[in-house]
Every structure is written in C-alpha cells, then in structure tokens.
Amino acid sequence: MYMKINWGHKIILVFVLFVSLIATLVYKSVHTNFELVTKEYYKDELVYQQVIDGTNNANKLGGVTTVSSDEQFVNVTLPAEMKNQELKGNIWFYCAANADKDRRFELNPDPSGKQAFDKKEFLAGNYMVKVQWEKQDGQQFYTEQYLTLK
C-alpha cells in the first residue's frame, strides 16, 4: 500500500519548499558580515585629494618606500631622501578581508628611515600597507604596498 500524490499535494509541497528556501536566504542575509573600508567613508572621500597629492609627491622622490618581512619583523623603509629628517605620520596595515586584523601605528623611523614591527603583532593574511607622512615644511607624502604575512 502506498499513497498516491495528487496535484494538490504537489502544489503544497512546492509551496513549502519555496517558503523554506526564502526563509534560508533571509537567515543567511541577516547573518552575513559585511564591512566597509572605513566607517567614515564620506568624510574620507572629501579629503581624498590629499592622498592624490601625497602619492604624486612620493612618486617624485628618487627612491621608493619598501615594506618587507622576515622571520621576526615587518620592516618599513622610507626613501633615502627621508633619512635624518623629522617626520610625522602613520602606517596603516589594512586587511580588506577582516577589520579585526587592521593595525595602525604612528610613524617613528630611525635616522636611516627604517621602522620595524614585531611580526607577533599581526595575524596571517593579506595587507595593504598605507604609509602617510609629512615633513616639517608641511609637504605630504603617501604610498601603498601589498604585504602577505604567513
């Protein structure tokens, strides 16, 4: 003995499956984590011209800013023109995949233009290292480089 499924049962079955699918999609969309690059997106967009000017100034320098890592440290080296100069600025290790991995530091290079960070302060991942600095005369510089830490 088996029960024969008629067209009314099939319509109800399709309706139940449709409602289940919609409920699953709503649940997943509510629990999806999405992050913006910054919480102050509009304000940052208004001052983006400073980033453009800083990038142009950095490109005019004879050297480039380098970001590298070894077994213990992540090293940021400013161009040779920045040696023995008093600079102020910041370094942002930006991880697009997870804002919890982001790290911001004040720029504080040694006289040779290098700054080292303990690798233990970072989680493994891909970072965009954004270095922004300013000389005493007010000239601003900006550069970005990718860094992968394992």
N, C-alpha and C. Protein backbone atom coordinates (compact mmCIF):
# COMPACT_ATOMS: atom_id res chain seq x y z
N MET A 1 0.82 -1.18 0.00
CA MET A 1 0.00 0.00 0.00
C MET A 1 0.87 1.25 0.00
N TYR A 2 0.60 2.06 -0.89
CA TYR A 2 1.29 3.34 -0.91
C TYR A 2 0.27 4.41 -1.23
N MET A 3 0.66 5.62 -0.82
CA MET A 3 -0.25 6.74 -1.02
C MET A 3 0.09 7.43 -2.33
N LYS A 4 -0.91 7.69 -3.09
CA LYS A 4 -0.70 8.35 -4.36
C LYS A 4 -0.75 9.87 -4.13
N ILE A 5 0.27 10.59 -4.68
CA ILE A 5 0.34 12.04 -4.50
C ILE A 5 -0.39 12.69 -5.68
N ASN A 6 -1.44 13.44 -5.36
CA ASN A 6 -2.18 14.12 -6.43
C ASN A 6 -1.65 15.53 -6.62
N TRP A 7 -2.20 16.27 -7.54
CA TRP A 7 -1.69 17.60 -7.88
C TRP A 7 -1.82 18.58 -6.73
N GLY A 8 -2.78 18.45 -5.86
CA GLY A 8 -2.93 19.33 -4.70
C GLY A 8 -1.79 19.16 -3.72
N HIS A 9 -1.38 17.91 -3.50
CA HIS A 9 -0.23 17.65 -2.62
C HIS A 9 1.06 18.20 -3.22
N LYS A 10 1.18 18.10 -4.52
CA LYS A 10 2.39 18.61 -5.18
C LYS A 10 2.48 20.13 -5.06
N ILE A 11 1.36 20.82 -5.18
CA ILE A 11 1.36 22.28 -5.04
C ILE A 11 1.77 22.67 -3.62
N ILE A 12 1.24 21.99 -2.64
CA ILE A 12 1.58 22.28 -1.24
C ILE A 12 3.06 21.99 -1.00
N LEU A 13 3.57 20.89 -1.54
CA LEU A 13 4.99 20.55 -1.38
C LEU A 13 5.88 21.62 -2.00
N VAL A 14 5.56 22.08 -3.20
CA VAL A 14 6.33 23.15 -3.86
C VAL A 14 6.27 24.43 -3.04
N PHE A 15 5.11 24.77 -2.51
CA PHE A 15 4.96 25.97 -1.70
C PHE A 15 5.80 25.89 -0.43
N VAL A 16 5.80 24.74 0.25
CA VAL A 16 6.60 24.55 1.47
C VAL A 16 8.08 24.66 1.14
N LEU A 17 8.53 24.06 0.04
CA LEU A 17 9.94 24.17 -0.36
C LEU A 17 10.31 25.61 -0.68
N PHE A 18 9.43 26.34 -1.35
CA PHE A 18 9.69 27.74 -1.68
C PHE A 18 9.81 28.58 -0.41
N VAL A 19 8.91 28.41 0.53
CA VAL A 19 8.96 29.15 1.80
C VAL A 19 10.24 28.80 2.56
N SER A 20 10.64 27.54 2.54
CA SER A 20 11.88 27.13 3.22
C SER A 20 13.09 27.79 2.58
N LEU A 21 13.12 27.85 1.27
CA LEU A 21 14.23 28.50 0.56
C LEU A 21 14.30 29.98 0.91
N ILE A 22 13.17 30.67 0.87
CA ILE A 22 13.15 32.09 1.20
C ILE A 22 13.58 32.32 2.65
N ALA A 23 13.11 31.50 3.57
CA ALA A 23 13.50 31.63 4.98
C ALA A 23 15.00 31.42 5.15
N THR A 24 15.57 30.46 4.43
CA THR A 24 17.02 30.22 4.50
C THR A 24 17.79 31.43 3.96
N LEU A 25 17.36 31.99 2.85
CA LEU A 25 18.04 33.16 2.28
C LEU A 25 17.96 34.37 3.21
N VAL A 26 16.81 34.57 3.82
CA VAL A 26 16.66 35.68 4.77
C VAL A 26 17.59 35.48 5.96
N TYR A 27 17.64 34.28 6.49
CA TYR A 27 18.51 33.98 7.63
C TYR A 27 19.97 34.25 7.28
N LYS A 28 20.42 33.75 6.13
CA LYS A 28 21.81 33.95 5.73
C LYS A 28 22.13 35.42 5.47
N SER A 29 21.22 36.16 4.88
CA SER A 29 21.49 37.57 4.59
C SER A 29 21.56 38.40 5.87
N VAL A 30 20.77 38.04 6.86
CA VAL A 30 20.80 38.77 8.13
C VAL A 30 22.10 38.50 8.88
N HIS A 31 22.65 37.31 8.75
CA HIS A 31 23.85 36.93 9.49
C HIS A 31 25.14 37.08 8.68
N THR A 32 25.08 37.68 7.51
CA THR A 32 26.27 37.90 6.70
C THR A 32 27.02 39.11 7.24
N ASN A 33 28.33 38.95 7.40
CA ASN A 33 29.18 40.03 7.89
C ASN A 33 29.68 40.84 6.69
N PHE A 34 29.38 42.12 6.66
CA PHE A 34 29.91 42.98 5.62
C PHE A 34 30.54 44.19 6.29
N GLU A 35 31.69 44.56 5.78
CA GLU A 35 32.43 45.66 6.37
C GLU A 35 32.80 46.66 5.28
N LEU A 36 32.73 47.92 5.62
CA LEU A 36 33.19 48.95 4.71
C LEU A 36 34.67 49.19 4.96
N VAL A 37 35.33 49.83 4.02
CA VAL A 37 36.74 50.14 4.19
C VAL A 37 36.92 51.01 5.44
N THR A 38 36.03 51.94 5.63
CA THR A 38 36.07 52.81 6.79
C THR A 38 34.65 53.19 7.18
N LYS A 39 34.44 53.44 8.43
CA LYS A 39 33.11 53.83 8.89
C LYS A 39 32.79 55.28 8.50
N GLU A 40 33.81 56.06 8.26
CA GLU A 40 33.66 57.47 7.88
C GLU A 40 33.92 57.62 6.38
N TYR A 41 33.27 56.82 5.59
CA TYR A 41 33.54 56.75 4.15
C TYR A 41 33.38 58.11 3.47
N TYR A 42 32.29 58.80 3.72
CA TYR A 42 32.04 60.06 3.03
C TYR A 42 33.06 61.13 3.42
N LYS A 43 33.37 61.23 4.71
CA LYS A 43 34.35 62.21 5.17
C LYS A 43 35.72 61.93 4.55
N ASP A 44 36.10 60.67 4.49
CA ASP A 44 37.40 60.31 3.91
C ASP A 44 37.44 60.60 2.41
N GLU A 45 36.31 60.44 1.75
CA GLU A 45 36.25 60.72 0.31
C GLU A 45 36.46 62.20 0.02
N LEU A 46 36.00 63.06 0.92
CA LEU A 46 36.15 64.50 0.72
C LEU A 46 37.61 64.96 0.79
N VAL A 47 38.44 64.26 1.55
CA VAL A 47 39.85 64.65 1.67
C VAL A 47 40.76 63.76 0.82
N TYR A 48 40.20 63.05 -0.14
CA TYR A 48 40.99 62.14 -0.96
C TYR A 48 42.02 62.89 -1.83
N GLN A 49 41.78 64.15 -2.09
CA GLN A 49 42.75 64.92 -2.88
C GLN A 49 44.11 64.95 -2.19
N GLN A 50 44.12 64.92 -0.87
CA GLN A 50 45.39 64.87 -0.13
C GLN A 50 46.15 63.58 -0.43
N VAL A 51 45.42 62.47 -0.58
CA VAL A 51 46.04 61.20 -0.93
C VAL A 51 46.66 61.29 -2.32
N ILE A 52 45.94 61.89 -3.25
CA ILE A 52 46.44 62.04 -4.62
C ILE A 52 47.71 62.91 -4.63
N ASP A 53 47.66 64.03 -3.92
CA ASP A 53 48.84 64.92 -3.86
C ASP A 53 50.01 64.22 -3.18
N GLY A 54 49.74 63.50 -2.10
CA GLY A 54 50.80 62.77 -1.39
C GLY A 54 51.42 61.69 -2.25
N THR A 55 50.62 61.01 -3.03
CA THR A 55 51.13 59.98 -3.94
C THR A 55 52.00 60.61 -5.02
N ASN A 56 51.57 61.73 -5.57
CA ASN A 56 52.39 62.43 -6.58
C ASN A 56 53.72 62.88 -5.99
N ASN A 57 53.71 63.39 -4.76
CA ASN A 57 54.95 63.82 -4.10
C ASN A 57 55.87 62.62 -3.85
N ALA A 58 55.30 61.49 -3.43
CA ALA A 58 56.11 60.30 -3.18
C ALA A 58 56.70 59.76 -4.47
N ASN A 59 55.96 59.87 -5.57
CA ASN A 59 56.46 59.39 -6.86
C ASN A 59 57.60 60.25 -7.38
N LYS A 60 57.69 61.50 -6.96
CA LYS A 60 58.76 62.40 -7.40
C LYS A 60 60.08 62.13 -6.67
N LEU A 61 60.02 61.40 -5.56
CA LEU A 61 61.24 61.09 -4.82
C LEU A 61 62.11 60.13 -5.62
N GLY A 62 63.41 60.15 -5.34
CA GLY A 62 64.34 59.27 -6.05
C GLY A 62 64.17 57.81 -5.70
N GLY A 63 63.76 57.52 -4.47
CA GLY A 63 63.58 56.13 -4.04
C GLY A 63 62.12 55.83 -3.77
N VAL A 64 61.88 54.62 -3.34
CA VAL A 64 60.51 54.20 -3.03
C VAL A 64 60.45 53.68 -1.60
N THR A 65 59.27 53.70 -1.06
CA THR A 65 59.03 53.11 0.25
C THR A 65 58.90 51.61 0.07
N THR A 66 59.61 50.84 0.89
CA THR A 66 59.54 49.39 0.78
C THR A 66 58.97 48.80 2.07
N VAL A 67 58.20 47.75 1.91
CA VAL A 67 57.63 47.01 3.04
C VAL A 67 58.03 45.56 2.84
N SER A 68 58.68 44.98 3.83
CA SER A 68 59.13 43.60 3.73
C SER A 68 58.98 42.92 5.09
N SER A 69 59.08 41.62 5.06
CA SER A 69 59.01 40.87 6.32
C SER A 69 60.07 39.79 6.33
N ASP A 70 60.57 39.52 7.52
CA ASP A 70 61.49 38.40 7.72
C ASP A 70 60.90 37.51 8.80
N GLU A 71 61.70 36.70 9.42
CA GLU A 71 61.18 35.76 10.42
C GLU A 71 60.58 36.46 11.64
N GLN A 72 61.16 37.59 12.05
CA GLN A 72 60.73 38.24 13.29
C GLN A 72 60.01 39.56 13.09
N PHE A 73 60.35 40.29 12.04
CA PHE A 73 59.88 41.66 11.92
C PHE A 73 59.22 41.96 10.58
N VAL A 74 58.36 42.97 10.61
CA VAL A 74 57.85 43.59 9.40
C VAL A 74 58.57 44.93 9.32
N ASN A 75 59.26 45.18 8.23
CA ASN A 75 60.09 46.37 8.08
C ASN A 75 59.50 47.33 7.06
N VAL A 76 59.44 48.60 7.44
CA VAL A 76 59.03 49.67 6.53
C VAL A 76 60.22 50.59 6.37
N THR A 77 60.65 50.78 5.13
CA THR A 77 61.81 51.62 4.85
C THR A 77 61.38 52.76 3.94
N LEU A 78 61.60 53.98 4.40
CA LEU A 78 61.26 55.17 3.62
C LEU A 78 62.35 55.45 2.60
N PRO A 79 62.06 56.24 1.58
CA PRO A 79 63.09 56.58 0.58
C PRO A 79 64.30 57.27 1.22
N ALA A 80 65.44 57.19 0.53
CA ALA A 80 66.70 57.73 1.06
C ALA A 80 66.61 59.23 1.36
N GLU A 81 65.76 59.96 0.64
CA GLU A 81 65.62 61.40 0.87
C GLU A 81 65.06 61.71 2.25
N MET A 82 64.46 60.74 2.90
CA MET A 82 63.83 60.95 4.20
C MET A 82 64.76 60.63 5.37
N LYS A 83 65.99 60.22 5.08
CA LYS A 83 66.95 59.91 6.15
C LYS A 83 67.26 61.18 6.94
N ASN A 84 67.40 60.99 8.24
CA ASN A 84 67.78 62.06 9.17
C ASN A 84 66.84 63.26 9.12
N GLN A 85 65.58 63.04 8.83
CA GLN A 85 64.61 64.12 8.83
C GLN A 85 63.56 63.85 9.90
N GLU A 86 63.04 64.90 10.44
CA GLU A 86 61.98 64.77 11.42
C GLU A 86 60.65 64.67 10.67
N LEU A 87 60.01 63.53 10.81
CA LEU A 87 58.77 63.25 10.09
C LEU A 87 57.66 62.93 11.07
N LYS A 88 56.44 63.21 10.64
CA LYS A 88 55.29 62.74 11.41
C LYS A 88 54.31 62.12 10.43
N GLY A 89 53.62 61.11 10.90
CA GLY A 89 52.67 60.42 10.02
C GLY A 89 52.19 59.14 10.66
N ASN A 90 51.63 58.27 9.84
CA ASN A 90 51.13 56.99 10.35
C ASN A 90 51.27 55.90 9.30
N ILE A 91 51.19 54.68 9.80
CA ILE A 91 51.25 53.49 8.96
C ILE A 91 50.02 52.66 9.29
N TRP A 92 49.27 52.32 8.25
CA TRP A 92 48.04 51.55 8.43
C TRP A 92 48.19 50.24 7.70
N PHE A 93 48.19 49.14 8.45
CA PHE A 93 48.18 47.81 7.88
C PHE A 93 46.70 47.43 7.73
N TYR A 94 46.19 47.58 6.52
CA TYR A 94 44.77 47.40 6.24
C TYR A 94 44.51 46.02 5.64
N CYS A 95 43.65 45.24 6.28
CA CYS A 95 43.26 43.92 5.79
C CYS A 95 41.82 44.01 5.30
N ALA A 96 41.63 43.90 4.00
CA ALA A 96 40.30 44.05 3.42
C ALA A 96 39.35 42.94 3.83
N ALA A 97 39.88 41.77 4.13
CA ALA A 97 39.03 40.62 4.44
C ALA A 97 38.49 40.65 5.87
N ASN A 98 39.20 41.33 6.78
CA ASN A 98 38.80 41.29 8.18
C ASN A 98 39.32 42.53 8.91
N ALA A 99 38.41 43.38 9.33
CA ALA A 99 38.80 44.62 10.00
C ALA A 99 39.49 44.36 11.34
N ASP A 100 39.28 43.19 11.93
CA ASP A 100 39.93 42.87 13.20
C ASP A 100 41.44 42.71 13.04
N LYS A 101 41.92 42.48 11.82
CA LYS A 101 43.36 42.34 11.57
C LYS A 101 44.05 43.69 11.32
N ASP A 102 43.28 44.74 11.11
CA ASP A 102 43.86 46.07 10.84
C ASP A 102 44.71 46.53 12.01
N ARG A 103 45.83 47.18 11.69
CA ARG A 103 46.70 47.76 12.71
C ARG A 103 47.14 49.14 12.24
N ARG A 104 47.11 50.10 13.16
CA ARG A 104 47.58 51.46 12.87
C ARG A 104 48.72 51.78 13.83
N PHE A 105 49.76 52.40 13.28
CA PHE A 105 50.92 52.77 14.07
C PHE A 105 51.32 54.20 13.72
N GLU A 106 51.92 54.86 14.67
CA GLU A 106 52.50 56.17 14.41
C GLU A 106 53.84 55.97 13.72
N LEU A 107 54.11 56.79 12.73
CA LEU A 107 55.39 56.70 12.02
C LEU A 107 56.49 57.23 12.94
N ASN A 108 57.48 56.39 13.16
CA ASN A 108 58.60 56.76 14.03
C ASN A 108 59.87 56.08 13.53
N PRO A 109 60.37 56.50 12.36
CA PRO A 109 61.54 55.81 11.78
C PRO A 109 62.83 56.17 12.51
N ASP A 110 63.81 55.27 12.42
CA ASP A 110 65.13 55.58 12.95
C ASP A 110 65.83 56.54 11.98
N PRO A 111 67.02 57.04 12.32
CA PRO A 111 67.70 58.01 11.44
C PRO A 111 67.93 57.51 10.01
N SER A 112 67.98 56.19 9.82
CA SER A 112 68.19 55.66 8.47
C SER A 112 66.88 55.54 7.69
N GLY A 113 65.75 55.90 8.31
CA GLY A 113 64.46 55.87 7.62
C GLY A 113 63.74 54.54 7.72
N LYS A 114 64.16 53.70 8.65
CA LYS A 114 63.54 52.38 8.80
C LYS A 114 62.72 52.30 10.08
N GLN A 115 61.67 51.50 10.03
CA GLN A 115 60.86 51.23 11.21
C GLN A 115 60.49 49.76 11.17
N ALA A 116 60.68 49.08 12.31
CA ALA A 116 60.41 47.64 12.38
C ALA A 116 59.27 47.39 13.36
N PHE A 117 58.45 46.40 13.02
CA PHE A 117 57.33 45.99 13.87
C PHE A 117 57.46 44.50 14.14
N ASP A 118 57.19 44.12 15.38
CA ASP A 118 57.24 42.70 15.74
C ASP A 118 56.16 41.95 14.98
N LYS A 119 56.53 40.88 14.32
CA LYS A 119 55.61 40.11 13.50
C LYS A 119 54.50 39.47 14.33
N LYS A 120 54.74 39.31 15.63
CA LYS A 120 53.74 38.69 16.52
C LYS A 120 52.51 39.58 16.69
N GLU A 121 52.63 40.87 16.35
CA GLU A 121 51.50 41.79 16.47
C GLU A 121 50.48 41.62 15.35
N PHE A 122 50.80 40.81 14.35
CA PHE A 122 49.95 40.66 13.18
C PHE A 122 49.43 39.24 13.06
N LEU A 123 48.24 39.12 12.52
CA LEU A 123 47.69 37.82 12.16
C LEU A 123 48.03 37.56 10.70
N ALA A 124 48.10 36.30 10.34
CA ALA A 124 48.40 35.95 8.95
C ALA A 124 47.31 36.49 8.04
N GLY A 125 47.72 36.97 6.87
CA GLY A 125 46.75 37.48 5.91
C GLY A 125 47.39 38.41 4.91
N ASN A 126 46.56 38.94 4.03
CA ASN A 126 46.99 39.90 3.01
C ASN A 126 46.69 41.31 3.52
N TYR A 127 47.67 42.18 3.44
CA TYR A 127 47.52 43.54 3.92
C TYR A 127 47.86 44.54 2.82
N MET A 128 47.19 45.66 2.86
CA MET A 128 47.58 46.83 2.08
C MET A 128 48.22 47.76 3.11
N VAL A 129 49.49 48.03 2.95
CA VAL A 129 50.20 48.88 3.89
C VAL A 129 50.17 50.31 3.35
N LYS A 130 49.48 51.19 4.08
CA LYS A 130 49.31 52.58 3.66
C LYS A 130 50.18 53.45 4.56
N VAL A 131 51.17 54.08 3.95
CA VAL A 131 52.11 54.92 4.70
C VAL A 131 51.88 56.37 4.30
N GLN A 132 51.58 57.19 5.29
CA GLN A 132 51.33 58.63 5.08
C GLN A 132 52.26 59.37 6.02
N TRP A 133 53.04 60.32 5.47
CA TRP A 133 53.92 61.11 6.32
C TRP A 133 54.03 62.54 5.81
N GLU A 134 54.55 63.37 6.69
CA GLU A 134 54.67 64.80 6.39
C GLU A 134 56.01 65.29 6.92
N LYS A 135 56.69 66.09 6.08
CA LYS A 135 57.95 66.70 6.50
C LYS A 135 57.64 67.94 7.33
N GLN A 136 58.66 68.49 7.95
CA GLN A 136 58.48 69.68 8.79
C GLN A 136 57.98 70.88 7.99
N ASP A 137 58.32 70.94 6.70
CA ASP A 137 57.88 72.07 5.88
C ASP A 137 56.42 71.93 5.43
N GLY A 138 55.76 70.85 5.83
CA GLY A 138 54.35 70.66 5.50
C GLY A 138 54.09 69.83 4.26
N GLN A 139 55.14 69.44 3.55
CA GLN A 139 54.95 68.63 2.35
C GLN A 139 54.52 67.22 2.74
N GLN A 140 53.44 66.75 2.11
CA GLN A 140 52.87 65.46 2.47
C GLN A 140 53.20 64.39 1.43
N PHE A 141 53.33 63.14 1.93
CA PHE A 141 53.66 62.01 1.09
C PHE A 141 52.73 60.85 1.44
N TYR A 142 52.45 60.01 0.44
CA TYR A 142 51.58 58.86 0.65
C TYR A 142 51.98 57.75 -0.29
N THR A 143 52.00 56.53 0.22
CA THR A 143 52.31 55.38 -0.61
C THR A 143 51.57 54.15 -0.08
N GLU A 144 51.31 53.20 -0.98
CA GLU A 144 50.64 51.95 -0.62
C GLU A 144 51.43 50.79 -1.20
N GLN A 145 51.49 49.70 -0.44
CA GLN A 145 52.13 48.47 -0.92
C GLN A 145 51.40 47.27 -0.34
N TYR A 146 51.40 46.18 -1.09
CA TYR A 146 50.79 44.94 -0.61
C TYR A 146 51.82 44.14 0.18
N LEU A 147 51.32 43.45 1.19
CA LEU A 147 52.17 42.59 2.02
C LEU A 147 51.36 41.36 2.40
N THR A 148 51.96 40.20 2.24
CA THR A 148 51.32 38.95 2.64
C THR A 148 52.13 38.36 3.80
N LEU A 149 51.44 38.13 4.90
CA LEU A 149 52.09 37.53 6.07
C LEU A 149 51.55 36.12 6.26
N LYS A 150 52.44 35.21 6.57
CA LYS A 150 52.04 33.80 6.77
C LYS A 150 52.28 33.39 8.18
